[in-house]
Amino acid sequence: MGTFEFVFDQRLGIKLPDFTQPYEAYSYQEQLEIVENWEEIRGRIPSRVMELERMIEHKLHQLGNEDNFEFSCDLNREIADLASIINDLHIWYRVSADVSSIKPHL
């Protein structure tokens, strides 16, 4: 019987799985719990993406009004970082977990 947890990722702003063994090695009941936890986390990803998109829009507005080249470069870098986070969140959103065909032992 392995252990698993979901650990908060500061950069992405969501919890990510942290397993001590391959997913398929977990028992049927553990897989059910993992899927339930992941689907709850996964359901919050679109809201997190929208929050980051609003931050990008704000920075783009700042960039459009900025005359200082150095600060413009900083804003561009921040926008790129936020876009990278959104991309990673989209990848995680596509990760779905299914309960394997292991029969539960009742």
N, C-alpha and C. Protein backbone atom coordinates (compact mmCIF):
# COMPACT_ATOMS: atom_id res chain seq x y z
N MET A 1 0.85 -1.18 0.00
CA MET A 1 0.00 0.00 0.00
C MET A 1 0.89 1.24 0.00
N GLY A 2 0.76 2.04 -1.05
CA GLY A 2 1.59 3.23 -1.17
C GLY A 2 0.94 4.43 -0.53
N THR A 3 1.70 5.49 -0.51
CA THR A 3 1.14 6.72 0.01
C THR A 3 1.08 7.74 -1.12
N PHE A 4 0.17 8.64 -0.98
CA PHE A 4 0.04 9.71 -1.96
C PHE A 4 -0.47 10.94 -1.27
N GLU A 5 -0.17 12.05 -1.87
CA GLU A 5 -0.71 13.31 -1.40
C GLU A 5 -0.71 14.29 -2.56
N PHE A 6 -1.39 15.37 -2.37
CA PHE A 6 -1.39 16.45 -3.33
C PHE A 6 -0.73 17.63 -2.65
N VAL A 7 0.33 18.14 -3.28
CA VAL A 7 1.16 19.18 -2.68
C VAL A 7 0.95 20.48 -3.44
N PHE A 8 0.78 21.57 -2.71
CA PHE A 8 0.54 22.87 -3.33
C PHE A 8 1.77 23.33 -4.09
N ASP A 9 1.56 23.68 -5.36
CA ASP A 9 2.61 24.23 -6.21
C ASP A 9 2.43 25.75 -6.23
N GLN A 10 3.37 26.44 -5.65
CA GLN A 10 3.28 27.90 -5.52
C GLN A 10 3.18 28.58 -6.87
N ARG A 11 3.95 28.12 -7.84
CA ARG A 11 3.96 28.74 -9.16
C ARG A 11 2.61 28.61 -9.86
N LEU A 12 2.05 27.41 -9.85
CA LEU A 12 0.80 27.17 -10.55
C LEU A 12 -0.42 27.59 -9.74
N GLY A 13 -0.28 27.61 -8.43
CA GLY A 13 -1.41 28.00 -7.59
C GLY A 13 -2.43 26.90 -7.39
N ILE A 14 -2.02 25.65 -7.62
CA ILE A 14 -2.90 24.49 -7.39
C ILE A 14 -2.07 23.39 -6.74
N LYS A 15 -2.77 22.38 -6.23
CA LYS A 15 -2.08 21.21 -5.70
C LYS A 15 -1.82 20.23 -6.84
N LEU A 16 -0.66 19.58 -6.77
CA LEU A 16 -0.28 18.59 -7.77
C LEU A 16 -0.03 17.24 -7.08
N PRO A 17 -0.25 16.15 -7.79
CA PRO A 17 -0.05 14.84 -7.19
C PRO A 17 1.42 14.59 -6.86
N ASP A 18 1.64 13.95 -5.74
CA ASP A 18 2.98 13.55 -5.31
C ASP A 18 2.86 12.10 -4.85
N PHE A 19 3.15 11.18 -5.76
CA PHE A 19 2.96 9.76 -5.49
C PHE A 19 4.29 9.09 -5.18
N THR A 20 4.24 8.07 -4.35
CA THR A 20 5.44 7.32 -4.01
C THR A 20 5.61 6.09 -4.89
N GLN A 21 4.64 5.84 -5.76
CA GLN A 21 4.69 4.70 -6.68
C GLN A 21 3.84 5.02 -7.90
N PRO A 22 3.94 4.22 -8.95
CA PRO A 22 3.09 4.47 -10.12
C PRO A 22 1.61 4.37 -9.76
N TYR A 23 0.82 5.19 -10.43
CA TYR A 23 -0.62 5.25 -10.16
C TYR A 23 -1.26 3.86 -10.18
N GLU A 24 -0.88 3.04 -11.16
CA GLU A 24 -1.50 1.72 -11.33
C GLU A 24 -1.21 0.79 -10.16
N ALA A 25 -0.19 1.10 -9.36
CA ALA A 25 0.16 0.24 -8.23
C ALA A 25 -0.72 0.50 -7.01
N TYR A 26 -1.48 1.57 -7.02
CA TYR A 26 -2.37 1.86 -5.89
C TYR A 26 -3.59 0.95 -5.93
N SER A 27 -4.13 0.70 -4.77
CA SER A 27 -5.32 -0.14 -4.68
C SER A 27 -6.51 0.56 -5.32
N TYR A 28 -7.53 -0.20 -5.58
CA TYR A 28 -8.76 0.34 -6.16
C TYR A 28 -9.29 1.49 -5.31
N GLN A 29 -9.35 1.30 -4.00
CA GLN A 29 -9.87 2.34 -3.10
C GLN A 29 -8.99 3.58 -3.12
N GLU A 30 -7.68 3.39 -3.15
CA GLU A 30 -6.76 4.53 -3.22
C GLU A 30 -6.94 5.28 -4.53
N GLN A 31 -7.11 4.54 -5.62
CA GLN A 31 -7.32 5.18 -6.91
C GLN A 31 -8.61 5.99 -6.90
N LEU A 32 -9.65 5.46 -6.29
CA LEU A 32 -10.91 6.22 -6.18
C LEU A 32 -10.68 7.54 -5.45
N GLU A 33 -9.92 7.48 -4.37
CA GLU A 33 -9.64 8.68 -3.59
C GLU A 33 -8.79 9.67 -4.39
N ILE A 34 -7.81 9.15 -5.11
CA ILE A 34 -6.96 10.00 -5.94
C ILE A 34 -7.79 10.70 -7.01
N VAL A 35 -8.64 9.93 -7.70
CA VAL A 35 -9.48 10.51 -8.76
C VAL A 35 -10.40 11.58 -8.18
N GLU A 36 -11.01 11.30 -7.05
CA GLU A 36 -11.91 12.27 -6.42
C GLU A 36 -11.17 13.56 -6.08
N ASN A 37 -10.00 13.44 -5.48
CA ASN A 37 -9.20 14.62 -5.14
C ASN A 37 -8.76 15.38 -6.38
N TRP A 38 -8.28 14.64 -7.39
CA TRP A 38 -7.79 15.28 -8.60
C TRP A 38 -8.91 16.02 -9.33
N GLU A 39 -10.07 15.41 -9.43
CA GLU A 39 -11.18 16.07 -10.14
C GLU A 39 -11.59 17.36 -9.44
N GLU A 40 -11.51 17.38 -8.14
CA GLU A 40 -11.83 18.62 -7.39
C GLU A 40 -10.79 19.70 -7.71
N ILE A 41 -9.52 19.32 -7.71
CA ILE A 41 -8.44 20.27 -8.04
C ILE A 41 -8.56 20.71 -9.49
N ARG A 42 -8.73 19.75 -10.37
CA ARG A 42 -8.83 20.00 -11.81
C ARG A 42 -9.97 20.97 -12.13
N GLY A 43 -11.05 20.88 -11.39
CA GLY A 43 -12.20 21.75 -11.61
C GLY A 43 -11.91 23.21 -11.29
N ARG A 44 -10.86 23.47 -10.52
CA ARG A 44 -10.50 24.85 -10.18
C ARG A 44 -9.51 25.47 -11.17
N ILE A 45 -8.97 24.66 -12.06
CA ILE A 45 -7.96 25.17 -13.00
C ILE A 45 -8.52 26.26 -13.91
N PRO A 46 -9.72 26.13 -14.50
CA PRO A 46 -10.21 27.22 -15.36
C PRO A 46 -10.30 28.57 -14.64
N SER A 47 -10.69 28.57 -13.39
CA SER A 47 -10.75 29.83 -12.63
C SER A 47 -9.36 30.41 -12.43
N ARG A 48 -8.40 29.54 -12.18
CA ARG A 48 -7.02 30.00 -12.02
C ARG A 48 -6.50 30.59 -13.33
N VAL A 49 -6.81 29.96 -14.45
CA VAL A 49 -6.40 30.46 -15.76
C VAL A 49 -7.01 31.84 -16.01
N MET A 50 -8.28 32.01 -15.71
CA MET A 50 -8.94 33.31 -15.90
C MET A 50 -8.29 34.38 -15.04
N GLU A 51 -7.92 34.02 -13.81
CA GLU A 51 -7.24 34.97 -12.92
C GLU A 51 -5.91 35.41 -13.54
N LEU A 52 -5.16 34.47 -14.07
CA LEU A 52 -3.88 34.80 -14.69
C LEU A 52 -4.07 35.62 -15.96
N GLU A 53 -5.11 35.31 -16.73
CA GLU A 53 -5.40 36.09 -17.94
C GLU A 53 -5.72 37.53 -17.60
N ARG A 54 -6.44 37.76 -16.51
CA ARG A 54 -6.72 39.14 -16.07
C ARG A 54 -5.42 39.86 -15.71
N MET A 55 -4.51 39.13 -15.07
CA MET A 55 -3.22 39.73 -14.72
C MET A 55 -2.45 40.10 -15.98
N ILE A 56 -2.50 39.24 -16.99
CA ILE A 56 -1.82 39.54 -18.26
C ILE A 56 -2.44 40.77 -18.92
N GLU A 57 -3.76 40.84 -18.94
CA GLU A 57 -4.44 42.00 -19.52
C GLU A 57 -4.02 43.29 -18.83
N HIS A 58 -3.92 43.25 -17.52
CA HIS A 58 -3.49 44.42 -16.76
C HIS A 58 -2.07 44.83 -17.15
N LYS A 59 -1.19 43.84 -17.24
CA LYS A 59 0.20 44.13 -17.59
C LYS A 59 0.33 44.62 -19.04
N LEU A 60 -0.51 44.08 -19.94
CA LEU A 60 -0.51 44.56 -21.33
C LEU A 60 -0.96 46.01 -21.39
N HIS A 61 -1.92 46.36 -20.57
CA HIS A 61 -2.38 47.76 -20.51
C HIS A 61 -1.24 48.64 -20.00
N GLN A 62 -0.55 48.18 -18.96
CA GLN A 62 0.59 48.93 -18.45
C GLN A 62 1.66 49.08 -19.53
N LEU A 63 1.91 48.01 -20.25
CA LEU A 63 2.93 48.00 -21.28
C LEU A 63 2.61 49.01 -22.38
N GLY A 64 1.33 49.11 -22.73
CA GLY A 64 0.91 50.04 -23.76
C GLY A 64 1.11 51.49 -23.37
N ASN A 65 1.21 51.75 -22.08
CA ASN A 65 1.38 53.12 -21.59
C ASN A 65 2.77 53.37 -21.04
N GLU A 66 3.67 52.44 -21.22
CA GLU A 66 5.00 52.56 -20.61
C GLU A 66 6.02 53.10 -21.60
N ASP A 67 6.77 54.12 -21.16
CA ASP A 67 7.81 54.72 -21.99
C ASP A 67 9.21 54.25 -21.58
N ASN A 68 9.33 53.72 -20.38
CA ASN A 68 10.62 53.28 -19.87
C ASN A 68 10.94 51.90 -20.45
N PHE A 69 12.03 51.82 -21.23
CA PHE A 69 12.40 50.57 -21.91
C PHE A 69 12.67 49.45 -20.91
N GLU A 70 13.41 49.75 -19.86
CA GLU A 70 13.76 48.73 -18.85
C GLU A 70 12.48 48.15 -18.22
N PHE A 71 11.56 49.02 -17.86
CA PHE A 71 10.32 48.56 -17.24
C PHE A 71 9.47 47.79 -18.24
N SER A 72 9.51 48.20 -19.51
CA SER A 72 8.79 47.48 -20.56
C SER A 72 9.32 46.05 -20.69
N CYS A 73 10.63 45.91 -20.59
CA CYS A 73 11.24 44.58 -20.66
C CYS A 73 10.80 43.72 -19.47
N ASP A 74 10.74 44.34 -18.30
CA ASP A 74 10.27 43.62 -17.11
C ASP A 74 8.82 43.17 -17.28
N LEU A 75 7.99 44.06 -17.80
CA LEU A 75 6.59 43.71 -18.02
C LEU A 75 6.46 42.57 -19.03
N ASN A 76 7.24 42.63 -20.10
CA ASN A 76 7.22 41.55 -21.09
C ASN A 76 7.62 40.22 -20.47
N ARG A 77 8.62 40.24 -19.62
CA ARG A 77 9.08 39.03 -18.94
C ARG A 77 7.98 38.49 -18.01
N GLU A 78 7.33 39.38 -17.29
CA GLU A 78 6.25 38.96 -16.39
C GLU A 78 5.08 38.36 -17.19
N ILE A 79 4.77 38.97 -18.31
CA ILE A 79 3.69 38.46 -19.17
C ILE A 79 4.05 37.07 -19.69
N ALA A 80 5.30 36.90 -20.10
CA ALA A 80 5.75 35.60 -20.60
C ALA A 80 5.68 34.54 -19.49
N ASP A 81 6.05 34.92 -18.28
CA ASP A 81 5.99 33.99 -17.14
C ASP A 81 4.54 33.58 -16.86
N LEU A 82 3.63 34.53 -16.89
CA LEU A 82 2.22 34.22 -16.66
C LEU A 82 1.67 33.32 -17.77
N ALA A 83 2.06 33.60 -19.00
CA ALA A 83 1.62 32.78 -20.12
C ALA A 83 2.15 31.35 -19.98
N SER A 84 3.36 31.21 -19.49
CA SER A 84 3.94 29.89 -19.27
C SER A 84 3.16 29.12 -18.20
N ILE A 85 2.75 29.81 -17.17
CA ILE A 85 1.94 29.18 -16.11
C ILE A 85 0.61 28.71 -16.70
N ILE A 86 -0.01 29.55 -17.51
CA ILE A 86 -1.28 29.17 -18.14
C ILE A 86 -1.09 27.93 -19.00
N ASN A 87 -0.01 27.90 -19.76
CA ASN A 87 0.28 26.73 -20.60
C ASN A 87 0.41 25.47 -19.74
N ASP A 88 1.16 25.56 -18.66
CA ASP A 88 1.32 24.40 -17.77
C ASP A 88 0.00 23.98 -17.14
N LEU A 89 -0.84 24.95 -16.78
CA LEU A 89 -2.16 24.62 -16.23
C LEU A 89 -3.02 23.90 -17.26
N HIS A 90 -2.93 24.32 -18.51
CA HIS A 90 -3.68 23.63 -19.57
C HIS A 90 -3.22 22.18 -19.70
N ILE A 91 -1.93 21.96 -19.58
CA ILE A 91 -1.40 20.60 -19.64
C ILE A 91 -1.95 19.78 -18.48
N TRP A 92 -1.91 20.32 -17.28
CA TRP A 92 -2.44 19.60 -16.11
C TRP A 92 -3.94 19.38 -16.23
N TYR A 93 -4.64 20.33 -16.82
CA TYR A 93 -6.09 20.18 -16.97
C TYR A 93 -6.43 18.98 -17.85
N ARG A 94 -5.59 18.70 -18.82
CA ARG A 94 -5.83 17.56 -19.71
C ARG A 94 -5.49 16.23 -19.07
N VAL A 95 -4.82 16.25 -17.92
CA VAL A 95 -4.49 15.01 -17.22
C VAL A 95 -5.74 14.51 -16.51
N SER A 96 -6.17 13.36 -16.91
CA SER A 96 -7.32 12.78 -16.23
C SER A 96 -6.92 11.42 -15.68
N ALA A 97 -7.46 11.08 -14.57
CA ALA A 97 -7.17 9.80 -13.93
C ALA A 97 -8.42 8.95 -13.95
N ASP A 98 -8.22 7.70 -14.25
CA ASP A 98 -9.32 6.73 -14.23
C ASP A 98 -8.97 5.65 -13.22
N VAL A 99 -10.00 5.08 -12.67
CA VAL A 99 -9.80 3.95 -11.78
C VAL A 99 -9.52 2.75 -12.65
N SER A 100 -8.45 2.04 -12.34
CA SER A 100 -8.06 0.89 -13.17
C SER A 100 -9.11 -0.22 -13.07
N SER A 101 -8.88 -1.23 -13.83
CA SER A 101 -9.84 -2.34 -13.88
C SER A 101 -9.70 -3.29 -12.68
N ILE A 102 -8.92 -2.89 -11.69
CA ILE A 102 -8.79 -3.72 -10.48
C ILE A 102 -10.15 -3.82 -9.83
N LYS A 103 -10.55 -5.01 -9.50
CA LYS A 103 -11.82 -5.21 -8.81
C LYS A 103 -11.67 -4.88 -7.33
N PRO A 104 -12.60 -4.17 -6.77
CA PRO A 104 -12.50 -3.85 -5.34
C PRO A 104 -12.67 -5.15 -4.53
N HIS A 105 -11.94 -5.22 -3.45
CA HIS A 105 -12.04 -6.38 -2.54
C HIS A 105 -13.02 -6.01 -1.45
N LEU A 106 -14.21 -6.53 -1.59
CA LEU A 106 -15.27 -6.22 -0.61
C LEU A 106 -15.39 -7.31 0.42
